[in-house]
Each structure stands twice: as C-alpha cells, then as structure tokens.
C-alpha cells in the first residue's frame, strides 16, 4: 500500500496519513480516506478544480508533466494556484509515490 501524508496547510506538522493502491488517482484515495479538503465535485473528469492540492518536493519533481487541460483548469481553482499546484484527479499513484506529502488549499470553493 502507498501512504500519502495530507496536511491542512504548509504550517500543519501532523497531517493525516491515507493509504492507496497503485493505479488509483490521488483524488480517489483522498475521498476514500475522508479528506474533507478534497471535494472532487466532478468525480475526476477534469471539469472542475475542486481536487486542487499542492505537492511537496521531492514528489512534485517526480510527477509527469501536467496536461494543457489540467493547467487550464487550475486557473479556475478557488485558491490561487501555486508553483506546486496540481489536480489530484490527474495524479495516478505509483509505488514510487509512497510517502508523498501534499498540502490542501484553504478552500475548494
């Protein structure tokens, strides 16, 4: 199982750890792990930005480049995008992502 550490914000030092299987999207893992900060209104169809997260290094640098569609949709996120912003529905988890740390935006709406 892959462990993902989810933090309410960059100052949160405890966070919450969720588990996921390889091949699952980060969004689905967050929803299954009862992470309130990931709304996932569209269910992962890339038609909203309510699964916005910020991925900490070194994991950000290991992710595939975002698509133009993801890049454009991040412009509609409720909180201003950061350099490490991604849509969690577009991150397909692999065993190499075990231990990944993400921060949640202040709001998805």
N, C-alpha and C. Protein backbone atom coordinates (compact mmCIF):
# COMPACT_ATOMS: atom_id res chain seq x y z
N UNK A 1 0.83 -1.19 0.00
CA UNK A 1 0.00 0.00 0.00
C UNK A 1 0.87 1.25 0.00
N UNK A 2 0.39 2.25 -0.67
CA UNK A 2 1.07 3.54 -0.76
C UNK A 2 0.52 4.44 0.34
N UNK A 3 1.40 5.09 1.07
CA UNK A 3 0.98 6.05 2.08
C UNK A 3 1.16 7.46 1.55
N UNK A 4 0.11 8.28 1.74
CA UNK A 4 0.13 9.68 1.35
C UNK A 4 -0.12 10.50 2.61
N UNK A 5 0.70 11.51 2.83
CA UNK A 5 0.57 12.37 4.01
C UNK A 5 -0.08 13.68 3.57
N UNK A 6 -1.24 13.96 4.15
CA UNK A 6 -2.05 15.12 3.76
C UNK A 6 -2.02 16.15 4.88
N UNK A 7 -1.66 17.38 4.53
CA UNK A 7 -1.56 18.45 5.50
C UNK A 7 -2.58 19.54 5.17
N UNK A 8 -3.22 20.07 6.20
CA UNK A 8 -4.21 21.14 6.02
C UNK A 8 -3.58 22.36 5.36
N UNK A 9 -2.32 22.61 5.66
CA UNK A 9 -1.58 23.74 5.08
C UNK A 9 -0.10 23.52 5.35
N UNK A 10 0.73 24.40 4.85
CA UNK A 10 2.18 24.23 4.98
C UNK A 10 2.65 24.31 6.44
N UNK A 11 1.85 24.90 7.33
CA UNK A 11 2.24 25.02 8.73
C UNK A 11 1.78 23.81 9.56
N UNK A 12 0.93 22.97 9.01
CA UNK A 12 0.43 21.78 9.69
C UNK A 12 1.57 20.77 9.80
N UNK A 13 1.94 20.40 11.00
CA UNK A 13 3.06 19.49 11.18
C UNK A 13 2.62 18.05 11.42
N UNK A 14 1.34 17.82 11.71
CA UNK A 14 0.87 16.47 11.99
C UNK A 14 0.21 15.83 10.77
N UNK A 15 -0.73 16.50 10.17
CA UNK A 15 -1.39 15.98 9.00
C UNK A 15 -2.15 14.70 9.27
N UNK A 16 -2.56 14.06 8.18
CA UNK A 16 -3.29 12.80 8.23
C UNK A 16 -2.69 11.89 7.16
N UNK A 17 -2.53 10.63 7.48
CA UNK A 17 -1.98 9.67 6.53
C UNK A 17 -3.11 8.81 5.98
N UNK A 18 -3.17 8.71 4.65
CA UNK A 18 -4.13 7.84 3.99
C UNK A 18 -3.35 6.78 3.21
N UNK A 19 -4.03 5.70 2.86
CA UNK A 19 -3.38 4.66 2.08
C UNK A 19 -4.12 4.50 0.76
N UNK A 20 -3.40 4.02 -0.23
CA UNK A 20 -3.96 3.86 -1.57
C UNK A 20 -3.25 2.72 -2.28
N UNK A 21 -3.84 2.30 -3.37
CA UNK A 21 -3.25 1.28 -4.22
C UNK A 21 -2.63 1.92 -5.45
N UNK A 22 -1.59 1.32 -5.96
CA UNK A 22 -1.00 1.79 -7.22
C UNK A 22 -2.07 1.72 -8.30
N UNK A 23 -2.09 2.74 -9.16
CA UNK A 23 -3.06 2.81 -10.24
C UNK A 23 -4.29 3.63 -9.88
N UNK A 24 -4.46 3.95 -8.62
CA UNK A 24 -5.59 4.76 -8.16
C UNK A 24 -5.21 6.24 -8.27
N UNK A 25 -6.17 7.09 -8.54
CA UNK A 25 -5.86 8.52 -8.56
C UNK A 25 -5.72 9.03 -7.13
N UNK A 26 -4.91 10.05 -6.97
CA UNK A 26 -4.76 10.69 -5.67
C UNK A 26 -6.10 11.21 -5.18
N UNK A 27 -6.93 11.73 -6.08
CA UNK A 27 -8.25 12.23 -5.71
C UNK A 27 -9.11 11.13 -5.10
N UNK A 28 -9.16 9.96 -5.76
CA UNK A 28 -9.97 8.86 -5.24
C UNK A 28 -9.44 8.38 -3.89
N UNK A 29 -8.14 8.36 -3.73
CA UNK A 29 -7.54 7.97 -2.45
C UNK A 29 -7.92 8.97 -1.36
N UNK A 30 -7.91 10.26 -1.68
CA UNK A 30 -8.26 11.29 -0.70
C UNK A 30 -9.73 11.19 -0.31
N UNK A 31 -10.60 10.98 -1.28
CA UNK A 31 -12.03 10.85 -0.99
C UNK A 31 -12.26 9.60 -0.13
N UNK A 32 -11.65 8.48 -0.49
CA UNK A 32 -11.80 7.25 0.28
C UNK A 32 -11.22 7.39 1.68
N UNK A 33 -10.21 8.25 1.82
CA UNK A 33 -9.57 8.49 3.11
C UNK A 33 -10.25 9.58 3.93
N UNK A 34 -11.43 10.02 3.49
CA UNK A 34 -12.21 11.04 4.21
C UNK A 34 -11.47 12.36 4.39
N UNK A 35 -10.77 12.77 3.35
CA UNK A 35 -10.10 14.07 3.38
C UNK A 35 -11.12 15.12 2.94
N UNK A 36 -11.61 15.90 3.91
CA UNK A 36 -12.64 16.90 3.64
C UNK A 36 -12.19 17.98 2.67
N UNK A 37 -10.90 18.25 2.63
CA UNK A 37 -10.38 19.33 1.80
C UNK A 37 -10.30 19.00 0.32
N UNK A 38 -10.67 17.79 -0.07
CA UNK A 38 -10.71 17.41 -1.48
C UNK A 38 -12.18 17.13 -1.81
N UNK A 39 -12.84 18.09 -2.45
CA UNK A 39 -14.27 17.97 -2.73
C UNK A 39 -14.56 17.03 -3.90
N UNK A 40 -13.76 17.12 -4.95
CA UNK A 40 -13.89 16.22 -6.11
C UNK A 40 -15.29 16.23 -6.69
N UNK A 41 -15.84 17.39 -6.91
CA UNK A 41 -17.22 17.52 -7.38
C UNK A 41 -17.48 16.81 -8.70
N UNK A 42 -16.55 16.84 -9.62
CA UNK A 42 -16.78 16.24 -10.94
C UNK A 42 -16.41 14.76 -10.99
N UNK A 43 -15.89 14.23 -9.89
CA UNK A 43 -15.56 12.82 -9.85
C UNK A 43 -14.32 12.44 -10.63
N UNK A 44 -13.53 13.41 -11.02
CA UNK A 44 -12.28 13.12 -11.71
C UNK A 44 -12.33 13.25 -13.21
N UNK A 45 -13.33 13.97 -13.72
CA UNK A 45 -13.47 14.12 -15.17
C UNK A 45 -12.78 15.37 -15.71
N UNK A 46 -12.02 16.05 -14.88
CA UNK A 46 -11.27 17.25 -15.28
C UNK A 46 -12.19 18.37 -15.77
N UNK A 47 -13.33 18.54 -15.08
CA UNK A 47 -14.25 19.61 -15.43
C UNK A 47 -14.48 20.57 -14.27
N UNK A 48 -13.71 20.42 -13.20
CA UNK A 48 -13.76 21.37 -12.09
C UNK A 48 -12.35 21.43 -11.50
N UNK A 49 -12.17 22.20 -10.49
CA UNK A 49 -10.85 22.27 -9.86
C UNK A 49 -10.98 22.06 -8.36
N UNK A 50 -11.97 21.25 -7.95
CA UNK A 50 -12.22 21.07 -6.52
C UNK A 50 -11.42 19.91 -5.92
N UNK A 51 -10.39 19.47 -6.64
CA UNK A 51 -9.46 18.48 -6.08
C UNK A 51 -8.05 19.04 -6.10
N UNK A 52 -7.95 20.36 -6.10
CA UNK A 52 -6.68 21.09 -6.12
C UNK A 52 -5.86 20.74 -4.87
N UNK A 53 -4.60 20.40 -5.07
CA UNK A 53 -3.66 20.15 -3.99
C UNK A 53 -2.31 20.75 -4.36
N UNK A 54 -1.45 20.90 -3.38
CA UNK A 54 -0.08 21.32 -3.62
C UNK A 54 0.83 20.17 -3.21
N UNK A 55 1.64 19.72 -4.14
CA UNK A 55 2.50 18.55 -3.92
C UNK A 55 3.89 19.04 -3.49
N UNK A 56 4.35 18.51 -2.38
CA UNK A 56 5.68 18.89 -1.88
C UNK A 56 6.77 18.15 -2.63
N UNK A 57 7.93 18.76 -2.67
CA UNK A 57 9.12 18.09 -3.22
C UNK A 57 9.57 17.03 -2.23
N UNK A 58 10.19 15.98 -2.64
CA UNK A 58 10.69 15.73 -4.00
C UNK A 58 9.65 15.11 -4.94
N UNK A 59 8.45 14.86 -4.43
CA UNK A 59 7.45 14.16 -5.23
C UNK A 59 6.96 14.98 -6.41
N UNK A 60 6.86 16.29 -6.25
CA UNK A 60 6.41 17.13 -7.37
C UNK A 60 7.30 16.92 -8.59
N UNK A 61 8.59 16.91 -8.37
CA UNK A 61 9.53 16.75 -9.47
C UNK A 61 9.50 15.37 -10.12
N UNK A 62 8.87 14.41 -9.46
CA UNK A 62 8.79 13.06 -9.99
C UNK A 62 7.50 12.81 -10.76
N UNK A 63 6.57 13.75 -10.70
CA UNK A 63 5.29 13.56 -11.39
C UNK A 63 5.43 13.83 -12.88
N UNK A 64 4.61 13.16 -13.68
CA UNK A 64 4.57 13.50 -15.11
C UNK A 64 4.13 14.96 -15.27
N UNK A 65 4.55 15.58 -16.33
CA UNK A 65 4.14 16.96 -16.60
C UNK A 65 2.62 17.04 -16.70
N UNK A 66 2.07 18.15 -16.27
CA UNK A 66 0.62 18.31 -16.37
C UNK A 66 0.23 18.55 -17.83
N UNK A 67 -0.98 18.15 -18.14
CA UNK A 67 -1.50 18.37 -19.48
C UNK A 67 -1.98 19.82 -19.61
N UNK A 68 -2.20 20.26 -20.83
CA UNK A 68 -2.75 21.60 -21.05
C UNK A 68 -4.12 21.74 -20.39
N UNK A 69 -4.92 20.68 -20.41
CA UNK A 69 -6.24 20.74 -19.79
C UNK A 69 -6.15 20.94 -18.28
N UNK A 70 -5.24 20.21 -17.64
CA UNK A 70 -5.07 20.39 -16.20
C UNK A 70 -4.55 21.79 -15.90
N UNK A 71 -3.60 22.25 -16.67
CA UNK A 71 -3.03 23.58 -16.50
C UNK A 71 -4.12 24.65 -16.60
N UNK A 72 -4.97 24.53 -17.60
CA UNK A 72 -6.05 25.49 -17.78
C UNK A 72 -7.08 25.43 -16.67
N UNK A 73 -7.42 24.23 -16.22
CA UNK A 73 -8.42 24.08 -15.16
C UNK A 73 -7.93 24.65 -13.84
N UNK A 74 -6.63 24.60 -13.58
CA UNK A 74 -6.09 25.17 -12.34
C UNK A 74 -6.32 26.67 -12.27
N UNK A 75 -6.50 27.32 -13.42
CA UNK A 75 -6.82 28.75 -13.41
C UNK A 75 -8.17 29.04 -12.77
N UNK A 76 -9.01 28.00 -12.66
CA UNK A 76 -10.35 28.17 -12.08
C UNK A 76 -10.43 27.70 -10.63
N UNK A 77 -9.31 27.33 -10.05
CA UNK A 77 -9.30 26.90 -8.65
C UNK A 77 -9.70 28.07 -7.75
N UNK A 78 -10.40 27.75 -6.67
CA UNK A 78 -10.87 28.79 -5.75
C UNK A 78 -9.72 29.54 -5.10
N UNK A 79 -8.67 28.83 -4.74
CA UNK A 79 -7.48 29.46 -4.17
C UNK A 79 -6.43 29.60 -5.26
N UNK A 80 -5.70 30.66 -5.20
CA UNK A 80 -4.69 30.92 -6.23
C UNK A 80 -3.74 29.74 -6.35
N UNK A 81 -3.46 29.37 -7.57
CA UNK A 81 -2.53 28.27 -7.81
C UNK A 81 -1.14 28.66 -7.38
N UNK A 82 -0.39 27.66 -6.96
CA UNK A 82 1.00 27.82 -6.55
C UNK A 82 1.88 27.11 -7.58
N UNK A 83 3.16 27.28 -7.47
CA UNK A 83 4.08 26.61 -8.39
C UNK A 83 3.96 25.09 -8.29
N UNK A 84 3.52 24.60 -7.14
CA UNK A 84 3.40 23.15 -6.94
C UNK A 84 1.96 22.66 -6.97
N UNK A 85 1.04 23.46 -7.51
CA UNK A 85 -0.36 23.08 -7.61
C UNK A 85 -0.58 22.00 -8.66
N UNK A 86 -1.42 21.06 -8.32
CA UNK A 86 -1.86 20.01 -9.26
C UNK A 86 -3.30 19.66 -8.94
N UNK A 87 -3.97 19.05 -9.89
CA UNK A 87 -5.30 18.50 -9.64
C UNK A 87 -5.09 17.03 -9.28
N UNK A 88 -5.58 16.66 -8.11
CA UNK A 88 -5.31 15.30 -7.63
C UNK A 88 -5.97 14.22 -8.48
N UNK A 89 -6.98 14.59 -9.26
CA UNK A 89 -7.60 13.60 -10.16
C UNK A 89 -6.67 13.21 -11.30
N UNK A 90 -5.66 14.01 -11.55
CA UNK A 90 -4.74 13.75 -12.66
C UNK A 90 -3.45 13.08 -12.21
N UNK A 91 -3.34 12.79 -10.93
CA UNK A 91 -2.15 12.12 -10.41
C UNK A 91 -2.49 10.66 -10.16
N UNK A 92 -1.95 9.79 -10.98
CA UNK A 92 -2.15 8.35 -10.82
C UNK A 92 -1.00 7.83 -9.97
N UNK A 93 -1.35 7.25 -8.86
CA UNK A 93 -0.35 6.84 -7.88
C UNK A 93 0.44 5.61 -8.33
N UNK A 94 1.72 5.65 -8.02
CA UNK A 94 2.62 4.53 -8.27
C UNK A 94 3.32 4.19 -6.95
N UNK A 95 3.93 3.01 -6.89
CA UNK A 95 4.66 2.62 -5.69
C UNK A 95 5.77 3.62 -5.34
N UNK A 96 6.33 4.28 -6.35
CA UNK A 96 7.39 5.26 -6.14
C UNK A 96 6.89 6.50 -5.40
N UNK A 97 5.57 6.68 -5.34
CA UNK A 97 5.00 7.85 -4.67
C UNK A 97 4.71 7.60 -3.20
N UNK A 98 5.09 6.42 -2.69
CA UNK A 98 4.89 6.10 -1.28
C UNK A 98 5.58 7.16 -0.43
N UNK A 99 4.83 7.73 0.51
CA UNK A 99 5.37 8.77 1.39
C UNK A 99 5.10 10.18 0.89
N UNK A 100 4.45 10.31 -0.27
CA UNK A 100 4.17 11.64 -0.84
C UNK A 100 3.49 12.53 0.19
N UNK A 101 3.85 13.80 0.17
CA UNK A 101 3.27 14.80 1.05
C UNK A 101 2.57 15.85 0.21
N UNK A 102 1.32 16.15 0.60
CA UNK A 102 0.56 17.19 -0.11
C UNK A 102 -0.06 18.15 0.90
N UNK A 103 -0.22 19.38 0.46
CA UNK A 103 -0.92 20.40 1.24
C UNK A 103 -2.25 20.69 0.56
N UNK A 104 -3.25 20.98 1.36
CA UNK A 104 -4.57 21.34 0.84
C UNK A 104 -4.70 22.85 0.75
N UNK A 105 -5.45 23.36 -0.22
CA UNK A 105 -5.70 24.80 -0.26
C UNK A 105 -6.66 25.18 0.86
N UNK A 106 -6.75 26.46 1.14
CA UNK A 106 -7.65 26.93 2.21
C UNK A 106 -9.10 26.59 1.91
N UNK A 107 -9.45 26.51 0.64
CA UNK A 107 -10.82 26.19 0.25
C UNK A 107 -10.84 25.66 -1.17
N UNK A 108 -11.83 24.85 -1.48
CA UNK A 108 -12.04 24.39 -2.86
C UNK A 108 -13.16 25.19 -3.53
N UNK A 109 -13.82 26.08 -2.77
CA UNK A 109 -14.95 26.87 -3.31
C UNK A 109 -14.70 28.35 -3.11
